[in-house]
Amino acid sequence: MNVNANYSVSNTSGKEYLKVNTDDEKNQKFELTQISDGYKAKAMNKTAKADDGLGSFELQKRK
């Protein structure tokens, strides 16, 4: 799936967070956890978990 979005990454108290804005949902917040081939993004707020939100997902490095 391809999604066009604006995003920012922040580090708070040793944890990494991803904030995403798409056309459908603004201010989606995810906690990033490093996995062997990329990151796991866990939905943290209502907008990320909404029907039009991205939900939890994985970001994988391109090979």
C-alpha atoms as a PDB file:
ATOM      1  CA  MET A   1       0.000   0.000   0.000  1.00  0.00           C
ATOM      2  CA  ASN A   2       1.264   3.485  -0.813  1.00  0.00           C
ATOM      3  CA  VAL A   3       0.218   6.481   1.277  1.00  0.00           C
ATOM      4  CA  ASN A   4       1.105  10.116   0.661  1.00  0.00           C
ATOM      5  CA  ALA A   5       1.653  11.838   4.001  1.00  0.00           C
ATOM      6  CA  ASN A   6       3.639  14.424   5.906  1.00  0.00           C
ATOM      7  CA  TYR A   7       5.460  13.053   8.941  1.00  0.00           C
ATOM      8  CA  SER A   8       7.910  13.854  11.714  1.00  0.00           C
ATOM      9  CA  VAL A   9       9.936  11.658  14.075  1.00  0.00           C
ATOM     10  CA  SER A  10      10.677  12.604  17.685  1.00  0.00           C
ATOM     11  CA  ASN A  11      12.533  11.047  20.607  1.00  0.00           C
ATOM     12  CA  THR A  12      11.015  11.464  24.078  1.00  0.00           C
ATOM     13  CA  SER A  13      12.460   9.777  27.169  1.00  0.00           C
ATOM     14  CA  GLY A  14      14.362   7.276  25.030  1.00  0.00           C
ATOM     15  CA  LYS A  15      11.324   6.259  22.939  1.00  0.00           C
ATOM     16  CA  GLU A  16      10.867   7.133  19.275  1.00  0.00           C
ATOM     17  CA  TYR A  17       7.540   8.422  17.967  1.00  0.00           C
ATOM     18  CA  LEU A  18       6.202   8.984  14.474  1.00  0.00           C
ATOM     19  CA  LYS A  19       3.560  11.663  13.810  1.00  0.00           C
ATOM     20  CA  VAL A  20       1.719  11.344  10.469  1.00  0.00           C
ATOM     21  CA  ASN A  21      -0.738  13.606   8.661  1.00  0.00           C
ATOM     22  CA  THR A  22      -2.669  12.181   5.702  1.00  0.00           C
ATOM     23  CA  ASP A  23      -5.511  13.752   3.719  1.00  0.00           C
ATOM     24  CA  ASP A  24      -8.007  11.664   5.739  1.00  0.00           C
ATOM     25  CA  GLU A  25      -6.572  11.866   9.283  1.00  0.00           C
ATOM     26  CA  LYS A  26      -4.342  14.460  10.972  1.00  0.00           C
ATOM     27  CA  ASN A  27      -2.028  14.042  13.992  1.00  0.00           C
ATOM     28  CA  GLN A  28      -1.768  10.246  13.945  1.00  0.00           C
ATOM     29  CA  LYS A  29       0.790   9.219  16.586  1.00  0.00           C
ATOM     30  CA  PHE A  30       2.745   5.940  16.624  1.00  0.00           C
ATOM     31  CA  GLU A  31       5.387   4.469  18.932  1.00  0.00           C
ATOM     32  CA  LEU A  32       8.313   3.062  16.933  1.00  0.00           C
ATOM     33  CA  THR A  33      10.054  -0.148  17.976  1.00  0.00           C
ATOM     34  CA  GLN A  34      13.113  -1.325  16.071  1.00  0.00           C
ATOM     35  CA  ILE A  35      12.863  -4.818  14.563  1.00  0.00           C
ATOM     36  CA  SER A  36      15.464  -6.753  12.576  1.00  0.00           C
ATOM     37  CA  ASP A  37      14.551  -5.343   9.161  1.00  0.00           C
ATOM     38  CA  GLY A  38      13.008  -1.969  10.051  1.00  0.00           C
ATOM     39  CA  TYR A  39      10.485  -0.641  12.576  1.00  0.00           C
ATOM     40  CA  LYS A  40       7.123  -1.613  14.007  1.00  0.00           C
ATOM     41  CA  ALA A  41       4.744   1.352  14.354  1.00  0.00           C
ATOM     42  CA  LYS A  42       2.093   0.920  17.064  1.00  0.00           C
ATOM     43  CA  ALA A  43      -0.950   3.217  16.864  1.00  0.00           C
ATOM     44  CA  MET A  44      -1.048   5.371  20.007  1.00  0.00           C
ATOM     45  CA  ASN A  45      -4.042   7.724  19.656  1.00  0.00           C
ATOM     46  CA  LYS A  46      -7.662   7.794  18.430  1.00  0.00           C
ATOM     47  CA  THR A  47      -6.872   9.297  15.028  1.00  0.00           C
ATOM     48  CA  ALA A  48      -4.282   6.601  14.267  1.00  0.00           C
ATOM     49  CA  LYS A  49      -6.784   3.909  15.268  1.00  0.00           C
ATOM     50  CA  ALA A  50      -9.747   5.506  13.400  1.00  0.00           C
ATOM     51  CA  ASP A  51     -11.333   3.845  10.353  1.00  0.00           C
ATOM     52  CA  ASP A  52      -9.489   6.307   8.057  1.00  0.00           C
ATOM     53  CA  GLY A  53      -6.289   6.078  10.138  1.00  0.00           C
ATOM     54  CA  LEU A  54      -3.256   3.971   9.334  1.00  0.00           C
ATOM     55  CA  GLY A  55      -3.557   1.604  12.317  1.00  0.00           C
ATOM     56  CA  SER A  56      -0.445  -0.297  13.422  1.00  0.00           C
ATOM     57  CA  PHE A  57       2.035  -1.282  10.702  1.00  0.00           C
ATOM     58  CA  GLU A  58       5.667  -2.146   9.934  1.00  0.00           C
ATOM     59  CA  LEU A  59       8.250  -0.089   8.059  1.00  0.00           C
ATOM     60  CA  GLN A  60      10.776  -2.304   6.319  1.00  0.00           C
ATOM     61  CA  LYS A  61      14.146  -1.377   4.834  1.00  0.00           C
ATOM     62  CA  ARG A  62      14.309  -1.638   1.060  1.00  0.00           C
ATOM     63  CA  LYS A  63      16.492  -4.421  -0.217  1.00  0.00           C
END
